[in-house]
Each structure stands twice: as C-alpha cells, then as structure tokens.
Amino acid sequence: MDLEKCDSEKALSLLKAVLANQLSAEAALADWPTVSKTSSKAMKNVYHQLYHYLADEDIRTREPEYAQYQQAGLQRCLDDLLAETTTTLE
C-alpha cells in the first residue's frame, strides 16, 4: 500500500470521527497526515477546512446556522476525498 493511499485513508477516518463528534478537530489535526506540495488537492482542502473548523469553535457555539454551514463544508471535503481515494484505487 502506497503512502498517499495510507494518508488518505487516515484522513478519511479522522474526518469521519470529527463529523460524528467522536473526536475533536484539535485531536484530528494533531494526528493528521503530513500535507505537502505533493499532496492531493482534496487532502490540502480538507486540512484547510478542518483548521478553520477548529479556529471557529466559538462562533459555531453562538451561531447554529454557522455550525451547520461548517459541518456541511466538512462533509463536502469528506465526499471529495472519498471520491479522490476511490478514483485512485481504480
């Protein structure tokens, strides 16, 4: 199994746990695979979105609509990463 596939699978697992409220964004980012110039667009995007998710925790607490918006964004990132990972495997 190549390193990129392992990183994508780990990222998928971490992001699913965050969306299921089983893991904090902070804990997910602490265990996140290394993102570099050679990382896929989806990997870079999900890392960026998760970082903003962590930073905006106080806003999500005050504004339920914003919380829904951010969770939908993370779900889109998950879908994109899953699609990319599935395409890579074919």
PDB file of N, CA and C in Angstrom:
ATOM      1  N   MET A   1       0.846  -1.175   0.000  1.00  0.00           N
ATOM      2  CA  MET A   1       0.000   0.000   0.000  1.00  0.00           C
ATOM      3  C   MET A   1       0.893   1.240   0.000  1.00  0.00           C
ATOM      4  N   ASP A   2       0.613   2.171  -0.924  1.00  0.00           N
ATOM      5  CA  ASP A   2       1.489   3.331  -1.001  1.00  0.00           C
ATOM      6  C   ASP A   2       1.137   4.357   0.081  1.00  0.00           C
ATOM      7  N   LEU A   3       2.090   5.255   0.326  1.00  0.00           N
ATOM      8  CA  LEU A   3       1.975   6.228   1.409  1.00  0.00           C
ATOM      9  C   LEU A   3       0.799   7.168   1.212  1.00  0.00           C
ATOM     10  N   GLU A   4       0.574   7.631  -0.021  1.00  0.00           N
ATOM     11  CA  GLU A   4      -0.531   8.555  -0.290  1.00  0.00           C
ATOM     12  C   GLU A   4      -1.877   7.914   0.038  1.00  0.00           C
ATOM     13  N   LYS A   5      -2.035   6.642  -0.313  1.00  0.00           N
ATOM     14  CA  LYS A   5      -3.285   5.934  -0.009  1.00  0.00           C
ATOM     15  C   LYS A   5      -3.460   5.803   1.503  1.00  0.00           C
ATOM     16  N   CYS A   6      -2.396   5.473   2.208  1.00  0.00           N
ATOM     17  CA  CYS A   6      -2.457   5.367   3.674  1.00  0.00           C
ATOM     18  C   CYS A   6      -2.848   6.704   4.294  1.00  0.00           C
ATOM     19  N   ASP A   7      -2.254   7.793   3.789  1.00  0.00           N
ATOM     20  CA  ASP A   7      -2.573   9.124   4.301  1.00  0.00           C
ATOM     21  C   ASP A   7      -4.031   9.473   4.050  1.00  0.00           C
ATOM     22  N   SER A   8      -4.537   9.174   2.864  1.00  0.00           N
ATOM     23  CA  SER A   8      -5.927   9.462   2.536  1.00  0.00           C
ATOM     24  C   SER A   8      -6.876   8.665   3.429  1.00  0.00           C
ATOM     25  N   GLU A   9      -6.568   7.412   3.640  1.00  0.00           N
ATOM     26  CA  GLU A   9      -7.421   6.574   4.492  1.00  0.00           C
ATOM     27  C   GLU A   9      -7.402   7.070   5.935  1.00  0.00           C
ATOM     28  N   LYS A  10      -6.243   7.485   6.410  1.00  0.00           N
ATOM     29  CA  LYS A  10      -6.156   8.029   7.767  1.00  0.00           C
ATOM     30  C   LYS A  10      -6.957   9.323   7.868  1.00  0.00           C
ATOM     31  N   ALA A  11      -6.811  10.194   6.874  1.00  0.00           N
ATOM     32  CA  ALA A  11      -7.550  11.456   6.865  1.00  0.00           C
ATOM     33  C   ALA A  11      -9.057  11.199   6.842  1.00  0.00           C
ATOM     34  N   LEU A  12      -9.492  10.256   6.037  1.00  0.00           N
ATOM     35  CA  LEU A  12     -10.920   9.906   5.983  1.00  0.00           C
ATOM     36  C   LEU A  12     -11.411   9.453   7.351  1.00  0.00           C
ATOM     37  N   SER A  13     -10.660   8.599   7.986  1.00  0.00           N
ATOM     38  CA  SER A  13     -11.038   8.083   9.302  1.00  0.00           C
ATOM     39  C   SER A  13     -11.137   9.207  10.335  1.00  0.00           C
ATOM     40  N   LEU A  14     -10.153  10.083  10.343  1.00  0.00           N
ATOM     41  CA  LEU A  14     -10.152  11.194  11.296  1.00  0.00           C
ATOM     42  C   LEU A  14     -11.321  12.146  11.039  1.00  0.00           C
ATOM     43  N   LEU A  15     -11.549  12.469   9.776  1.00  0.00           N
ATOM     44  CA  LEU A  15     -12.620  13.402   9.442  1.00  0.00           C
ATOM     45  C   LEU A  15     -13.989  12.809   9.777  1.00  0.00           C
ATOM     46  N   LYS A  16     -14.170  11.532   9.512  1.00  0.00           N
ATOM     47  CA  LYS A  16     -15.437  10.871   9.880  1.00  0.00           C
ATOM     48  C   LYS A  16     -15.659  10.950  11.390  1.00  0.00           C
ATOM     49  N   ALA A  17     -14.603  10.763  12.163  1.00  0.00           N
ATOM     50  CA  ALA A  17     -14.724  10.826  13.628  1.00  0.00           C
ATOM     51  C   ALA A  17     -15.079  12.236  14.089  1.00  0.00           C
ATOM     52  N   VAL A  18     -14.518  13.254  13.453  1.00  0.00           N
ATOM     53  CA  VAL A  18     -14.855  14.634  13.801  1.00  0.00           C
ATOM     54  C   VAL A  18     -16.325  14.902  13.493  1.00  0.00           C
ATOM     55  N   LEU A  19     -16.770  14.497  12.318  1.00  0.00           N
ATOM     56  CA  LEU A  19     -18.166  14.731  11.923  1.00  0.00           C
ATOM     57  C   LEU A  19     -19.151  13.974  12.814  1.00  0.00           C
ATOM     58  N   ALA A  20     -18.728  12.859  13.360  1.00  0.00           N
ATOM     59  CA  ALA A  20     -19.583  12.070  14.252  1.00  0.00           C
ATOM     60  C   ALA A  20     -19.446  12.513  15.713  1.00  0.00           C
ATOM     61  N   ASN A  21     -18.704  13.598  15.938  1.00  0.00           N
ATOM     62  CA  ASN A  21     -18.456  14.110  17.292  1.00  0.00           C
ATOM     63  C   ASN A  21     -17.782  13.086  18.204  1.00  0.00           C
ATOM     64  N   GLN A  22     -16.970  12.230  17.611  1.00  0.00           N
ATOM     65  CA  GLN A  22     -16.212  11.244  18.371  1.00  0.00           C
ATOM     66  C   GLN A  22     -14.777  11.691  18.620  1.00  0.00           C
ATOM     67  N   LEU A  23     -14.387  12.770  17.935  1.00  0.00           N
ATOM     68  CA  LEU A  23     -13.019  13.272  18.018  1.00  0.00           C
ATOM     69  C   LEU A  23     -13.058  14.780  17.800  1.00  0.00           C
ATOM     70  N   SER A  24     -12.274  15.501  18.565  1.00  0.00           N
ATOM     71  CA  SER A  24     -12.223  16.952  18.379  1.00  0.00           C
ATOM     72  C   SER A  24     -11.379  17.285  17.146  1.00  0.00           C
ATOM     73  N   ALA A  25     -11.637  18.450  16.586  1.00  0.00           N
ATOM     74  CA  ALA A  25     -10.828  18.907  15.456  1.00  0.00           C
ATOM     75  C   ALA A  25      -9.364  19.034  15.866  1.00  0.00           C
ATOM     76  N   GLU A  26      -9.137  19.483  17.090  1.00  0.00           N
ATOM     77  CA  GLU A  26      -7.767  19.629  17.586  1.00  0.00           C
ATOM     78  C   GLU A  26      -7.050  18.282  17.616  1.00  0.00           C
ATOM     79  N   ALA A  27      -7.726  17.255  18.115  1.00  0.00           N
ATOM     80  CA  ALA A  27      -7.112  15.923  18.164  1.00  0.00           C
ATOM     81  C   ALA A  27      -6.887  15.369  16.759  1.00  0.00           C
ATOM     82  N   ALA A  28      -7.833  15.621  15.858  1.00  0.00           N
ATOM     83  CA  ALA A  28      -7.681  15.151  14.478  1.00  0.00           C
ATOM     84  C   ALA A  28      -6.475  15.810  13.819  1.00  0.00           C
ATOM     85  N   LEU A  29      -6.336  17.119  13.997  1.00  0.00           N
ATOM     86  CA  LEU A  29      -5.206  17.834  13.395  1.00  0.00           C
ATOM     87  C   LEU A  29      -3.875  17.388  13.994  1.00  0.00           C
ATOM     88  N   ALA A  30      -3.875  17.039  15.277  1.00  0.00           N
ATOM     89  CA  ALA A  30      -2.640  16.577  15.915  1.00  0.00           C
ATOM     90  C   ALA A  30      -2.166  15.247  15.331  1.00  0.00           C
ATOM     91  N   ASP A  31      -3.111  14.450  14.832  1.00  0.00           N
ATOM     92  CA  ASP A  31      -2.789  13.135  14.278  1.00  0.00           C
ATOM     93  C   ASP A  31      -2.857  13.119  12.746  1.00  0.00           C
ATOM     94  N   TRP A  32      -3.049  14.286  12.147  1.00  0.00           N
ATOM     95  CA  TRP A  32      -3.262  14.401  10.699  1.00  0.00           C
ATOM     96  C   TRP A  32      -2.003  14.026   9.918  1.00  0.00           C
ATOM     97  N   PRO A  33      -2.179  13.351   8.786  1.00  0.00           N
ATOM     98  CA  PRO A  33      -1.026  13.040   7.937  1.00  0.00           C
ATOM     99  C   PRO A  33      -0.367  14.336   7.440  1.00  0.00           C
ATOM    100  N   THR A  34       0.895  14.266   7.145  1.00  0.00           N
ATOM    101  CA  THR A  34       1.630  15.426   6.649  1.00  0.00           C
ATOM    102  C   THR A  34       1.042  15.886   5.316  1.00  0.00           C
ATOM    103  N   VAL A  35       0.815  17.196   5.223  1.00  0.00           N
ATOM    104  CA  VAL A  35       0.332  17.792   3.976  1.00  0.00           C
ATOM    105  C   VAL A  35       1.496  18.568   3.373  1.00  0.00           C
ATOM    106  N   SER A  36       1.804  18.261   2.115  1.00  0.00           N
ATOM    107  CA  SER A  36       2.935  18.907   1.450  1.00  0.00           C
ATOM    108  C   SER A  36       2.524  19.393   0.066  1.00  0.00           C
ATOM    109  N   LYS A  37       3.486  19.963  -0.649  1.00  0.00           N
ATOM    110  CA  LYS A  37       3.219  20.441  -2.008  1.00  0.00           C
ATOM    111  C   LYS A  37       2.750  19.313  -2.912  1.00  0.00           C
ATOM    112  N   THR A  38       3.154  18.099  -2.624  1.00  0.00           N
ATOM    113  CA  THR A  38       2.790  16.978  -3.480  1.00  0.00           C
ATOM    114  C   THR A  38       1.479  16.306  -3.052  1.00  0.00           C
ATOM    115  N   SER A  39       0.882  16.765  -1.951  1.00  0.00           N
ATOM    116  CA  SER A  39      -0.399  16.202  -1.507  1.00  0.00           C
ATOM    117  C   SER A  39      -1.487  16.549  -2.516  1.00  0.00           C
ATOM    118  N   SER A  40      -2.496  15.727  -2.562  1.00  0.00           N
ATOM    119  CA  SER A  40      -3.598  15.965  -3.497  1.00  0.00           C
ATOM    120  C   SER A  40      -4.374  17.229  -3.108  1.00  0.00           C
ATOM    121  N   LYS A  41      -5.107  17.742  -4.063  1.00  0.00           N
ATOM    122  CA  LYS A  41      -5.924  18.933  -3.824  1.00  0.00           C
ATOM    123  C   LYS A  41      -6.935  18.669  -2.711  1.00  0.00           C
ATOM    124  N   ALA A  42      -7.557  17.505  -2.719  1.00  0.00           N
ATOM    125  CA  ALA A  42      -8.553  17.169  -1.695  1.00  0.00           C
ATOM    126  C   ALA A  42      -7.915  17.107  -0.310  1.00  0.00           C
ATOM    127  N   MET A  43      -6.716  16.539  -0.212  1.00  0.00           N
ATOM    128  CA  MET A  43      -6.033  16.469   1.088  1.00  0.00           C
ATOM    129  C   MET A  43      -5.705  17.863   1.607  1.00  0.00           C
ATOM    130  N   LYS A  44      -5.236  18.737   0.713  1.00  0.00           N
ATOM    131  CA  LYS A  44      -4.929  20.103   1.116  1.00  0.00           C
ATOM    132  C   LYS A  44      -6.189  20.834   1.544  1.00  0.00           C
ATOM    133  N   ASN A  45      -7.272  20.653   0.800  1.00  0.00           N
ATOM    134  CA  ASN A  45      -8.522  21.346   1.088  1.00  0.00           C
ATOM    135  C   ASN A  45      -9.120  20.897   2.418  1.00  0.00           C
ATOM    136  N   VAL A  46      -9.132  19.619   2.674  1.00  0.00           N
ATOM    137  CA  VAL A  46      -9.730  19.134   3.914  1.00  0.00           C
ATOM    138  C   VAL A  46      -8.915  19.594   5.124  1.00  0.00           C
ATOM    139  N   TYR A  47      -7.613  19.628   4.991  1.00  0.00           N
ATOM    140  CA  TYR A  47      -6.771  20.123   6.091  1.00  0.00           C
ATOM    141  C   TYR A  47      -7.107  21.587   6.378  1.00  0.00           C
ATOM    142  N   HIS A  48      -7.217  22.372   5.332  1.00  0.00           N
ATOM    143  CA  HIS A  48      -7.546  23.791   5.462  1.00  0.00           C
ATOM    144  C   HIS A  48      -8.909  23.979   6.136  1.00  0.00           C
ATOM    145  N   GLN A  49      -9.903  23.225   5.688  1.00  0.00           N
ATOM    146  CA  GLN A  49     -11.249  23.335   6.254  1.00  0.00           C
ATOM    147  C   GLN A  49     -11.277  22.889   7.720  1.00  0.00           C
ATOM    148  N   LEU A  50     -10.567  21.841   8.028  1.00  0.00           N
ATOM    149  CA  LEU A  50     -10.540  21.346   9.401  1.00  0.00           C
ATOM    150  C   LEU A  50      -9.853  22.345  10.329  1.00  0.00           C
ATOM    151  N   TYR A  51      -8.822  22.994   9.840  1.00  0.00           N
ATOM    152  CA  TYR A  51      -8.141  24.021  10.622  1.00  0.00           C
ATOM    153  C   TYR A  51      -9.101  25.176  10.945  1.00  0.00           C
ATOM    154  N   HIS A  52      -9.875  25.603   9.956  1.00  0.00           N
ATOM    155  CA  HIS A  52     -10.864  26.661  10.184  1.00  0.00           C
ATOM    156  C   HIS A  52     -11.971  26.181  11.124  1.00  0.00           C
ATOM    157  N   TYR A  53     -12.326  24.928  11.013  1.00  0.00           N
ATOM    158  CA  TYR A  53     -13.334  24.352  11.904  1.00  0.00           C
ATOM    159  C   TYR A  53     -12.869  24.452  13.356  1.00  0.00           C
ATOM    160  N   LEU A  54     -11.618  24.148  13.592  1.00  0.00           N
ATOM    161  CA  LEU A  54     -11.045  24.262  14.929  1.00  0.00           C
ATOM    162  C   LEU A  54     -11.054  25.718  15.392  1.00  0.00           C
ATOM    163  N   ALA A  55     -10.608  26.610  14.539  1.00  0.00           N
ATOM    164  CA  ALA A  55     -10.493  28.020  14.912  1.00  0.00           C
ATOM    165  C   ALA A  55     -11.849  28.682  15.176  1.00  0.00           C
ATOM    166  N   ASP A  56     -12.899  28.185  14.549  1.00  0.00           N
ATOM    167  CA  ASP A  56     -14.218  28.815  14.655  1.00  0.00           C
ATOM    168  C   ASP A  56     -15.156  28.150  15.656  1.00  0.00           C
ATOM    169  N   GLU A  57     -14.610  27.386  16.570  1.00  0.00           N
ATOM    170  CA  GLU A  57     -15.455  26.674  17.532  1.00  0.00           C
ATOM    171  C   GLU A  57     -16.356  27.626  18.313  1.00  0.00           C
ATOM    172  N   ASP A  58     -15.837  28.770  18.711  1.00  0.00           N
ATOM    173  CA  ASP A  58     -16.634  29.734  19.470  1.00  0.00           C
ATOM    174  C   ASP A  58     -17.798  30.286  18.650  1.00  0.00           C
ATOM    175  N   ILE A  59     -17.592  30.497  17.370  1.00  0.00           N
ATOM    176  CA  ILE A  59     -18.666  31.004  16.509  1.00  0.00           C
ATOM    177  C   ILE A  59     -19.750  29.946  16.336  1.00  0.00           C
ATOM    178  N   ARG A  60     -19.341  28.696  16.138  1.00  0.00           N
ATOM    179  CA  ARG A  60     -20.326  27.615  15.989  1.00  0.00           C
ATOM    180  C   ARG A  60     -21.190  27.480  17.227  1.00  0.00           C
ATOM    181  N   THR A  61     -20.609  27.734  18.392  1.00  0.00           N
ATOM    182  CA  THR A  61     -21.366  27.642  19.647  1.00  0.00           C
ATOM    183  C   THR A  61     -22.462  28.709  19.706  1.00  0.00           C
ATOM    184  N   ARG A  62     -22.144  29.900  19.223  1.00  0.00           N
ATOM    185  CA  ARG A  62     -23.093  31.015  19.265  1.00  0.00           C
ATOM    186  C   ARG A  62     -24.099  31.006  18.116  1.00  0.00           C
ATOM    187  N   GLU A  63     -23.679  30.467  16.972  1.00  0.00           N
ATOM    188  CA  GLU A  63     -24.491  30.566  15.763  1.00  0.00           C
ATOM    189  C   GLU A  63     -24.734  29.177  15.153  1.00  0.00           C
ATOM    190  N   PRO A  64     -25.881  28.575  15.469  1.00  0.00           N
ATOM    191  CA  PRO A  64     -26.179  27.232  14.960  1.00  0.00           C
ATOM    192  C   PRO A  64     -26.160  27.134  13.426  1.00  0.00           C
ATOM    193  N   GLU A  65     -26.549  28.204  12.750  1.00  0.00           N
ATOM    194  CA  GLU A  65     -26.536  28.188  11.282  1.00  0.00           C
ATOM    195  C   GLU A  65     -25.101  28.071  10.757  1.00  0.00           C
ATOM    196  N   TYR A  66     -24.194  28.760  11.427  1.00  0.00           N
ATOM    197  CA  TYR A  66     -22.789  28.681  11.020  1.00  0.00           C
ATOM    198  C   TYR A  66     -22.238  27.285  11.300  1.00  0.00           C
ATOM    199  N   ALA A  67     -22.664  26.700  12.393  1.00  0.00           N
ATOM    200  CA  ALA A  67     -22.237  25.331  12.707  1.00  0.00           C
ATOM    201  C   ALA A  67     -22.686  24.379  11.603  1.00  0.00           C
ATOM    202  N   GLN A  68     -23.921  24.529  11.145  1.00  0.00           N
ATOM    203  CA  GLN A  68     -24.425  23.682  10.058  1.00  0.00           C
ATOM    204  C   GLN A  68     -23.641  23.923   8.766  1.00  0.00           C
ATOM    205  N   TYR A  69     -23.330  25.180   8.498  1.00  0.00           N
ATOM    206  CA  TYR A  69     -22.551  25.538   7.315  1.00  0.00           C
ATOM    207  C   TYR A  69     -21.171  24.882   7.353  1.00  0.00           C
ATOM    208  N   GLN A  70     -20.504  24.963   8.495  1.00  0.00           N
ATOM    209  CA  GLN A  70     -19.166  24.369   8.602  1.00  0.00           C
ATOM    210  C   GLN A  70     -19.219  22.846   8.531  1.00  0.00           C
ATOM    211  N   GLN A  71     -20.220  22.244   9.157  1.00  0.00           N
ATOM    212  CA  GLN A  71     -20.331  20.791   9.102  1.00  0.00           C
ATOM    213  C   GLN A  71     -20.613  20.326   7.670  1.00  0.00           C
ATOM    214  N   ALA A  72     -21.428  21.087   6.954  1.00  0.00           N
ATOM    215  CA  ALA A  72     -21.691  20.753   5.548  1.00  0.00           C
ATOM    216  C   ALA A  72     -20.412  20.876   4.723  1.00  0.00           C
ATOM    217  N   GLY A  73     -19.593  21.873   5.032  1.00  0.00           N
ATOM    218  CA  GLY A  73     -18.323  22.039   4.343  1.00  0.00           C
ATOM    219  C   GLY A  73     -17.388  20.872   4.595  1.00  0.00           C
ATOM    220  N   LEU A  74     -17.335  20.422   5.840  1.00  0.00           N
ATOM    221  CA  LEU A  74     -16.500  19.257   6.159  1.00  0.00           C
ATOM    222  C   LEU A  74     -17.033  18.007   5.467  1.00  0.00           C
ATOM    223  N   GLN A  75     -18.345  17.880   5.384  1.00  0.00           N
ATOM    224  CA  GLN A  75     -18.933  16.724   4.700  1.00  0.00           C
ATOM    225  C   GLN A  75     -18.582  16.743   3.218  1.00  0.00           C
ATOM    226  N   ARG A  76     -18.604  17.927   2.586  1.00  0.00           N
ATOM    227  CA  ARG A  76     -18.204  18.035   1.180  1.00  0.00           C
ATOM    228  C   ARG A  76     -16.735  17.630   1.012  1.00  0.00           C
ATOM    229  N   CYS A  77     -15.901  18.062   1.949  1.00  0.00           N
ATOM    230  CA  CYS A  77     -14.486  17.684   1.905  1.00  0.00           C
ATOM    231  C   CYS A  77     -14.331  16.177   2.025  1.00  0.00           C
ATOM    232  N   LEU A  78     -15.101  15.585   2.911  1.00  0.00           N
ATOM    233  CA  LEU A  78     -15.068  14.131   3.086  1.00  0.00           C
ATOM    234  C   LEU A  78     -15.476  13.450   1.786  1.00  0.00           C
ATOM    235  N   ASP A  79     -16.553  13.933   1.177  1.00  0.00           N
ATOM    236  CA  ASP A  79     -17.028  13.349  -0.085  1.00  0.00           C
ATOM    237  C   ASP A  79     -15.972  13.478  -1.185  1.00  0.00           C
ATOM    238  N   ASP A  80     -15.331  14.654  -1.265  1.00  0.00           N
ATOM    239  CA  ASP A  80     -14.294  14.871  -2.283  1.00  0.00           C
ATOM    240  C   ASP A  80     -13.099  13.951  -2.064  1.00  0.00           C
ATOM    241  N   LEU A  81     -12.683  13.838  -0.814  1.00  0.00           N
ATOM    242  CA  LEU A  81     -11.542  12.977  -0.508  1.00  0.00           C
ATOM    243  C   LEU A  81     -11.882  11.520  -0.770  1.00  0.00           C
ATOM    244  N   LEU A  82     -13.091  11.130  -0.424  1.00  0.00           N
ATOM    245  CA  LEU A  82     -13.534   9.750  -0.684  1.00  0.00           C
ATOM    246  C   LEU A  82     -13.571   9.477  -2.178  1.00  0.00           C
ATOM    247  N   ALA A  83     -14.092  10.418  -2.954  1.00  0.00           N
ATOM    248  CA  ALA A  83     -14.150  10.252  -4.407  1.00  0.00           C
ATOM    249  C   ALA A  83     -12.744  10.168  -4.995  1.00  0.00           C
ATOM    250  N   GLU A  84     -11.859  11.016  -4.509  1.00  0.00           N
ATOM    251  CA  GLU A  84     -10.486  11.003  -4.997  1.00  0.00           C
ATOM    252  C   GLU A  84      -9.795   9.682  -4.642  1.00  0.00           C
ATOM    253  N   THR A  85     -10.000   9.226  -3.428  1.00  0.00           N
ATOM    254  CA  THR A  85      -9.389   7.980  -2.987  1.00  0.00           C
ATOM    255  C   THR A  85      -9.923   6.792  -3.791  1.00  0.00           C
ATOM    256  N   THR A  86     -11.230   6.796  -4.037  1.00  0.00           N
ATOM    257  CA  THR A  86     -11.849   5.720  -4.812  1.00  0.00           C
ATOM    258  C   THR A  86     -11.325   5.723  -6.235  1.00  0.00           C
ATOM    259  N   THR A  87     -11.195   6.911  -6.844  1.00  0.00           N
ATOM    260  CA  THR A  87     -10.682   7.033  -8.198  1.00  0.00           C
ATOM    261  C   THR A  87      -9.235   6.553  -8.277  1.00  0.00           C
ATOM    262  N   THR A  88      -8.456   6.867  -7.273  1.00  0.00           N
ATOM    263  CA  THR A  88      -7.049   6.472  -7.241  1.00  0.00           C
ATOM    264  C   THR A  88      -6.912   4.951  -7.176  1.00  0.00           C
ATOM    265  N   LEU A  89      -7.856   4.295  -6.512  1.00  0.00           N
ATOM    266  CA  LEU A  89      -7.783   2.856  -6.352  1.00  0.00           C
ATOM    267  C   LEU A  89      -8.150   2.103  -7.633  1.00  0.00           C
ATOM    268  N   GLU A  90      -8.894   2.756  -8.525  1.00  0.00           N
ATOM    269  CA  GLU A  90      -9.350   2.069  -9.743  1.00  0.00           C
ATOM    270  C   GLU A  90      -8.273   1.925 -10.780  1.00  0.00           C
TER     271      GLU A  90
END
